[in-house]
Amino acid sequence: MLAIVLSACLANDPNVCRDYKIPIDANIDAMTCMAEAPPHFAKWSEEHPGWQVTRWRCAPATENDI
């Protein structure tokens, strides 16, 4: 299973940053993950207005991420 890993920082304090994982479909490969990721992190950004996504990537997810 893959996850989109977002690195985001607080908009009002860019020194406070965290990584967030968004699990995605278990049956896709890394290239498909990269292609399908933008709508997922756009939705995340809308739901977390105080945070600014600084980078993202696709990475393996574990059961703990779900």
PDB file of N, CA and C in Angstrom:
ATOM      1  N   MET A   1       0.840  -1.178   0.000  1.00  0.00           N
ATOM      2  CA  MET A   1       0.000   0.000   0.000  1.00  0.00           C
ATOM      3  C   MET A   1       0.882   1.237   0.000  1.00  0.00           C
ATOM      4  N   LEU A   2       0.442   2.226  -0.738  1.00  0.00           N
ATOM      5  CA  LEU A   2       1.165   3.495  -0.799  1.00  0.00           C
ATOM      6  C   LEU A   2       0.407   4.588  -0.056  1.00  0.00           C
ATOM      7  N   ALA A   3       1.136   5.627   0.295  1.00  0.00           N
ATOM      8  CA  ALA A   3       0.551   6.809   0.917  1.00  0.00           C
ATOM      9  C   ALA A   3       1.194   8.037   0.298  1.00  0.00           C
ATOM     10  N   ILE A   4       0.428   9.113   0.282  1.00  0.00           N
ATOM     11  CA  ILE A   4       0.974  10.415  -0.097  1.00  0.00           C
ATOM     12  C   ILE A   4       1.490  11.027   1.201  1.00  0.00           C
ATOM     13  N   VAL A   5       2.756  11.371   1.219  1.00  0.00           N
ATOM     14  CA  VAL A   5       3.359  11.974   2.406  1.00  0.00           C
ATOM     15  C   VAL A   5       3.503  13.471   2.139  1.00  0.00           C
ATOM     16  N   LEU A   6       2.761  14.252   2.908  1.00  0.00           N
ATOM     17  CA  LEU A   6       2.802  15.705   2.794  1.00  0.00           C
ATOM     18  C   LEU A   6       3.713  16.267   3.874  1.00  0.00           C
ATOM     19  N   SER A   7       4.571  17.172   3.512  1.00  0.00           N
ATOM     20  CA  SER A   7       5.314  17.959   4.483  1.00  0.00           C
ATOM     21  C   SER A   7       4.654  19.328   4.484  1.00  0.00           C
ATOM     22  N   ALA A   8       4.177  19.724   5.657  1.00  0.00           N
ATOM     23  CA  ALA A   8       3.449  20.981   5.757  1.00  0.00           C
ATOM     24  C   ALA A   8       3.950  21.785   6.948  1.00  0.00           C
ATOM     25  N   CYS A   9       3.912  23.096   6.785  1.00  0.00           N
ATOM     26  CA  CYS A   9       4.335  24.011   7.846  1.00  0.00           C
ATOM     27  C   CYS A   9       3.184  24.949   8.179  1.00  0.00           C
ATOM     28  N   LEU A  10       3.150  25.403   9.423  1.00  0.00           N
ATOM     29  CA  LEU A  10       2.136  26.375   9.811  1.00  0.00           C
ATOM     30  C   LEU A  10       2.327  27.652   8.990  1.00  0.00           C
ATOM     31  N   ALA A  11       1.246  28.183   8.487  1.00  0.00           N
ATOM     32  CA  ALA A  11       1.320  29.383   7.659  1.00  0.00           C
ATOM     33  C   ALA A  11       1.843  30.578   8.457  1.00  0.00           C
ATOM     34  N   ASN A  12       1.473  30.665   9.739  1.00  0.00           N
ATOM     35  CA  ASN A  12       1.914  31.805  10.543  1.00  0.00           C
ATOM     36  C   ASN A  12       3.211  31.543  11.311  1.00  0.00           C
ATOM     37  N   ASP A  13       3.750  30.322  11.208  1.00  0.00           N
ATOM     38  CA  ASP A  13       5.038  30.004  11.833  1.00  0.00           C
ATOM     39  C   ASP A  13       5.724  28.914  11.009  1.00  0.00           C
ATOM     40  N   PRO A  14       6.407  29.289   9.928  1.00  0.00           N
ATOM     41  CA  PRO A  14       7.007  28.304   9.023  1.00  0.00           C
ATOM     42  C   PRO A  14       8.089  27.425   9.647  1.00  0.00           C
ATOM     43  N   ASN A  15       8.464  27.702  10.894  1.00  0.00           N
ATOM     44  CA  ASN A  15       9.427  26.840  11.579  1.00  0.00           C
ATOM     45  C   ASN A  15       8.774  25.609  12.191  1.00  0.00           C
ATOM     46  N   VAL A  16       7.445  25.598  12.256  1.00  0.00           N
ATOM     47  CA  VAL A  16       6.696  24.451  12.787  1.00  0.00           C
ATOM     48  C   VAL A  16       6.188  23.641  11.607  1.00  0.00           C
ATOM     49  N   CYS A  17       6.806  22.481  11.394  1.00  0.00           N
ATOM     50  CA  CYS A  17       6.458  21.637  10.250  1.00  0.00           C
ATOM     51  C   CYS A  17       6.198  20.210  10.708  1.00  0.00           C
ATOM     52  N   ARG A  18       5.351  19.515   9.940  1.00  0.00           N
ATOM     53  CA  ARG A  18       5.024  18.123  10.232  1.00  0.00           C
ATOM     54  C   ARG A  18       4.815  17.369   8.931  1.00  0.00           C
ATOM     55  N   ASP A  19       4.952  16.056   9.016  1.00  0.00           N
ATOM     56  CA  ASP A  19       4.616  15.187   7.892  1.00  0.00           C
ATOM     57  C   ASP A  19       3.268  14.535   8.171  1.00  0.00           C
ATOM     58  N   TYR A  20       2.446  14.423   7.141  1.00  0.00           N
ATOM     59  CA  TYR A  20       1.139  13.791   7.218  1.00  0.00           C
ATOM     60  C   TYR A  20       1.051  12.753   6.115  1.00  0.00           C
ATOM     61  N   LYS A  21       0.466  11.603   6.425  1.00  0.00           N
ATOM     62  CA  LYS A  21       0.303  10.546   5.427  1.00  0.00           C
ATOM     63  C   LYS A  21      -1.165  10.393   5.061  1.00  0.00           C
ATOM     64  N   ILE A  22      -1.417  10.334   3.765  1.00  0.00           N
ATOM     65  CA  ILE A  22      -2.760  10.093   3.244  1.00  0.00           C
ATOM     66  C   ILE A  22      -2.705   8.744   2.525  1.00  0.00           C
ATOM     67  N   PRO A  23      -3.247   7.676   3.132  1.00  0.00           N
ATOM     68  CA  PRO A  23      -3.247   6.371   2.468  1.00  0.00           C
ATOM     69  C   PRO A  23      -4.097   6.420   1.194  1.00  0.00           C
ATOM     70  N   ILE A  24      -3.647   5.717   0.171  1.00  0.00           N
ATOM     71  CA  ILE A  24      -4.394   5.649  -1.077  1.00  0.00           C
ATOM     72  C   ILE A  24      -4.557   4.200  -1.500  1.00  0.00           C
ATOM     73  N   ASP A  25      -5.229   3.983  -2.596  1.00  0.00           N
ATOM     74  CA  ASP A  25      -5.569   2.652  -3.092  1.00  0.00           C
ATOM     75  C   ASP A  25      -4.382   1.691  -3.052  1.00  0.00           C
ATOM     76  N   ALA A  26      -4.629   0.505  -2.537  1.00  0.00           N
ATOM     77  CA  ALA A  26      -3.569  -0.494  -2.392  1.00  0.00           C
ATOM     78  C   ALA A  26      -3.095  -1.063  -3.726  1.00  0.00           C
ATOM     79  N   ASN A  27      -3.867  -0.905  -4.770  1.00  0.00           N
ATOM     80  CA  ASN A  27      -3.551  -1.557  -6.040  1.00  0.00           C
ATOM     81  C   ASN A  27      -2.910  -0.641  -7.069  1.00  0.00           C
ATOM     82  N   ILE A  28      -2.247   0.416  -6.635  1.00  0.00           N
ATOM     83  CA  ILE A  28      -1.601   1.299  -7.604  1.00  0.00           C
ATOM     84  C   ILE A  28      -0.096   1.287  -7.406  1.00  0.00           C
ATOM     85  N   ASP A  29       0.606   1.653  -8.453  1.00  0.00           N
ATOM     86  CA  ASP A  29       2.068   1.719  -8.368  1.00  0.00           C
ATOM     87  C   ASP A  29       2.497   3.162  -8.093  1.00  0.00           C
ATOM     88  N   ALA A  30       3.789   3.357  -7.930  1.00  0.00           N
ATOM     89  CA  ALA A  30       4.317   4.675  -7.572  1.00  0.00           C
ATOM     90  C   ALA A  30       4.033   5.736  -8.636  1.00  0.00           C
ATOM     91  N   MET A  31       4.100   5.367  -9.910  1.00  0.00           N
ATOM     92  CA  MET A  31       3.844   6.345 -10.976  1.00  0.00           C
ATOM     93  C   MET A  31       2.382   6.804 -10.952  1.00  0.00           C
ATOM     94  N   THR A  32       1.462   5.875 -10.723  1.00  0.00           N
ATOM     95  CA  THR A  32       0.051   6.234 -10.638  1.00  0.00           C
ATOM     96  C   THR A  32      -0.193   7.091  -9.402  1.00  0.00           C
ATOM     97  N   CYS A  33       0.470   6.765  -8.319  1.00  0.00           N
ATOM     98  CA  CYS A  33       0.357   7.570  -7.105  1.00  0.00           C
ATOM     99  C   CYS A  33       0.760   9.011  -7.386  1.00  0.00           C
ATOM    100  N   MET A  34       1.882   9.193  -8.057  1.00  0.00           N
ATOM    101  CA  MET A  34       2.353  10.545  -8.369  1.00  0.00           C
ATOM    102  C   MET A  34       1.340  11.298  -9.231  1.00  0.00           C
ATOM    103  N   ALA A  35       0.741  10.590 -10.186  1.00  0.00           N
ATOM    104  CA  ALA A  35      -0.215  11.230 -11.088  1.00  0.00           C
ATOM    105  C   ALA A  35      -1.522  11.574 -10.388  1.00  0.00           C
ATOM    106  N   GLU A  36      -1.929  10.749  -9.425  1.00  0.00           N
ATOM    107  CA  GLU A  36      -3.220  10.951  -8.755  1.00  0.00           C
ATOM    108  C   GLU A  36      -3.122  11.743  -7.457  1.00  0.00           C
ATOM    109  N   ALA A  37      -1.936  12.097  -7.032  1.00  0.00           N
ATOM    110  CA  ALA A  37      -1.743  12.758  -5.742  1.00  0.00           C
ATOM    111  C   ALA A  37      -2.277  14.192  -5.655  1.00  0.00           C
ATOM    112  N   PRO A  38      -2.116  15.050  -6.680  1.00  0.00           N
ATOM    113  CA  PRO A  38      -2.501  16.455  -6.504  1.00  0.00           C
ATOM    114  C   PRO A  38      -3.912  16.709  -5.976  1.00  0.00           C
ATOM    115  N   PRO A  39      -4.947  16.029  -6.442  1.00  0.00           N
ATOM    116  CA  PRO A  39      -6.266  16.298  -5.846  1.00  0.00           C
ATOM    117  C   PRO A  39      -6.347  15.925  -4.364  1.00  0.00           C
ATOM    118  N   HIS A  40      -5.599  14.890  -3.959  1.00  0.00           N
ATOM    119  CA  HIS A  40      -5.611  14.480  -2.557  1.00  0.00           C
ATOM    120  C   HIS A  40      -4.971  15.533  -1.667  1.00  0.00           C
ATOM    121  N   PHE A  41      -3.813  16.062  -2.079  1.00  0.00           N
ATOM    122  CA  PHE A  41      -3.214  17.067  -1.193  1.00  0.00           C
ATOM    123  C   PHE A  41      -3.896  18.418  -1.328  1.00  0.00           C
ATOM    124  N   ALA A  42      -4.575  18.680  -2.435  1.00  0.00           N
ATOM    125  CA  ALA A  42      -5.378  19.910  -2.546  1.00  0.00           C
ATOM    126  C   ALA A  42      -6.546  19.855  -1.562  1.00  0.00           C
ATOM    127  N   LYS A  43      -7.192  18.679  -1.474  1.00  0.00           N
ATOM    128  CA  LYS A  43      -8.301  18.520  -0.520  1.00  0.00           C
ATOM    129  C   LYS A  43      -7.779  18.662   0.904  1.00  0.00           C
ATOM    130  N   TRP A  44      -6.631  18.059   1.190  1.00  0.00           N
ATOM    131  CA  TRP A  44      -6.047  18.166   2.515  1.00  0.00           C
ATOM    132  C   TRP A  44      -5.780  19.632   2.845  1.00  0.00           C
ATOM    133  N   SER A  45      -5.252  20.385   1.894  1.00  0.00           N
ATOM    134  CA  SER A  45      -4.962  21.810   2.119  1.00  0.00           C
ATOM    135  C   SER A  45      -6.231  22.591   2.435  1.00  0.00           C
ATOM    136  N   GLU A  46      -7.314  22.273   1.749  1.00  0.00           N
ATOM    137  CA  GLU A  46      -8.592  22.945   2.025  1.00  0.00           C
ATOM    138  C   GLU A  46      -9.095  22.625   3.423  1.00  0.00           C
ATOM    139  N   GLU A  47      -8.860  21.401   3.882  1.00  0.00           N
ATOM    140  CA  GLU A  47      -9.327  20.975   5.202  1.00  0.00           C
ATOM    141  C   GLU A  47      -8.417  21.451   6.332  1.00  0.00           C
ATOM    142  N   HIS A  48      -7.217  21.913   6.001  1.00  0.00           N
ATOM    143  CA  HIS A  48      -6.238  22.372   6.993  1.00  0.00           C
ATOM    144  C   HIS A  48      -5.719  23.754   6.572  1.00  0.00           C
ATOM    145  N   PRO A  49      -6.577  24.782   6.653  1.00  0.00           N
ATOM    146  CA  PRO A  49      -6.209  26.109   6.123  1.00  0.00           C
ATOM    147  C   PRO A  49      -5.039  26.777   6.829  1.00  0.00           C
ATOM    148  N   GLY A  50      -4.704  26.378   8.032  1.00  0.00           N
ATOM    149  CA  GLY A  50      -3.592  26.999   8.741  1.00  0.00           C
ATOM    150  C   GLY A  50      -2.233  26.427   8.349  1.00  0.00           C
ATOM    151  N   TRP A  51      -2.246  25.418   7.473  1.00  0.00           N
ATOM    152  CA  TRP A  51      -1.013  24.740   7.082  1.00  0.00           C
ATOM    153  C   TRP A  51      -0.727  24.963   5.614  1.00  0.00           C
ATOM    154  N   GLN A  52       0.543  25.022   5.274  1.00  0.00           N
ATOM    155  CA  GLN A  52       0.976  25.186   3.890  1.00  0.00           C
ATOM    156  C   GLN A  52       1.830  23.984   3.503  1.00  0.00           C
ATOM    157  N   VAL A  53       1.403  23.274   2.443  1.00  0.00           N
ATOM    158  CA  VAL A  53       2.168  22.123   1.965  1.00  0.00           C
ATOM    159  C   VAL A  53       3.451  22.636   1.318  1.00  0.00           C
ATOM    160  N   THR A  54       4.577  22.130   1.785  1.00  0.00           N
ATOM    161  CA  THR A  54       5.868  22.568   1.258  1.00  0.00           C
ATOM    162  C   THR A  54       6.457  21.569   0.273  1.00  0.00           C
ATOM    163  N   ARG A  55       6.079  20.292   0.426  1.00  0.00           N
ATOM    164  CA  ARG A  55       6.498  19.260  -0.528  1.00  0.00           C
ATOM    165  C   ARG A  55       5.650  18.019  -0.288  1.00  0.00           C
ATOM    166  N   TRP A  56       5.735  17.092  -1.226  1.00  0.00           N
ATOM    167  CA  TRP A  56       4.991  15.845  -1.091  1.00  0.00           C
ATOM    168  C   TRP A  56       5.697  14.759  -1.882  1.00  0.00           C
ATOM    169  N   ARG A  57       5.371  13.514  -1.542  1.00  0.00           N
ATOM    170  CA  ARG A  57       5.934  12.367  -2.245  1.00  0.00           C
ATOM    171  C   ARG A  57       5.032  11.164  -1.992  1.00  0.00           C
ATOM    172  N   CYS A  58       5.207  10.124  -2.750  1.00  0.00           N
ATOM    173  CA  CYS A  58       4.536   8.858  -2.528  1.00  0.00           C
ATOM    174  C   CYS A  58       5.519   7.918  -1.842  1.00  0.00           C
ATOM    175  N   ALA A  59       5.039   7.207  -0.832  1.00  0.00           N
ATOM    176  CA  ALA A  59       5.905   6.304  -0.080  1.00  0.00           C
ATOM    177  C   ALA A  59       5.080   5.125   0.433  1.00  0.00           C
ATOM    178  N   PRO A  60       5.736   4.048   0.789  1.00  0.00           N
ATOM    179  CA  PRO A  60       5.004   2.907   1.350  1.00  0.00           C
ATOM    180  C   PRO A  60       4.268   3.304   2.629  1.00  0.00           C
ATOM    181  N   ALA A  61       3.087   2.738   2.799  1.00  0.00           N
ATOM    182  CA  ALA A  61       2.292   2.964   4.018  1.00  0.00           C
ATOM    183  C   ALA A  61       2.258   1.675   4.816  1.00  0.00           C
ATOM    184  N   THR A  62       2.082   1.805   6.102  1.00  0.00           N
ATOM    185  CA  THR A  62       1.956   0.643   6.970  1.00  0.00           C
ATOM    186  C   THR A  62       0.537   0.590   7.516  1.00  0.00           C
ATOM    187  N   GLU A  63       0.197  -0.489   8.185  1.00  0.00           N
ATOM    188  CA  GLU A  63      -1.128  -0.615   8.797  1.00  0.00           C
ATOM    189  C   GLU A  63      -1.377   0.503   9.803  1.00  0.00           C
ATOM    190  N   ASN A  64      -0.332   1.010  10.452  1.00  0.00           N
ATOM    191  CA  ASN A  64      -0.479   2.086  11.426  1.00  0.00           C
ATOM    192  C   ASN A  64      -0.895   3.401  10.778  1.00  0.00           C
ATOM    193  N   ASP A  65      -0.673   3.535   9.471  1.00  0.00           N
ATOM    194  CA  ASP A  65      -1.001   4.775   8.767  1.00  0.00           C
ATOM    195  C   ASP A  65      -2.473   4.868   8.415  1.00  0.00           C
ATOM    196  N   ILE A  66      -3.168   3.759   8.467  1.00  0.00           N
ATOM    197  CA  ILE A  66      -4.581   3.734   8.031  1.00  0.00           C
ATOM    198  C   ILE A  66      -5.484   4.220   9.132  1.00  0.00           C
TER     199      ILE A  66
END
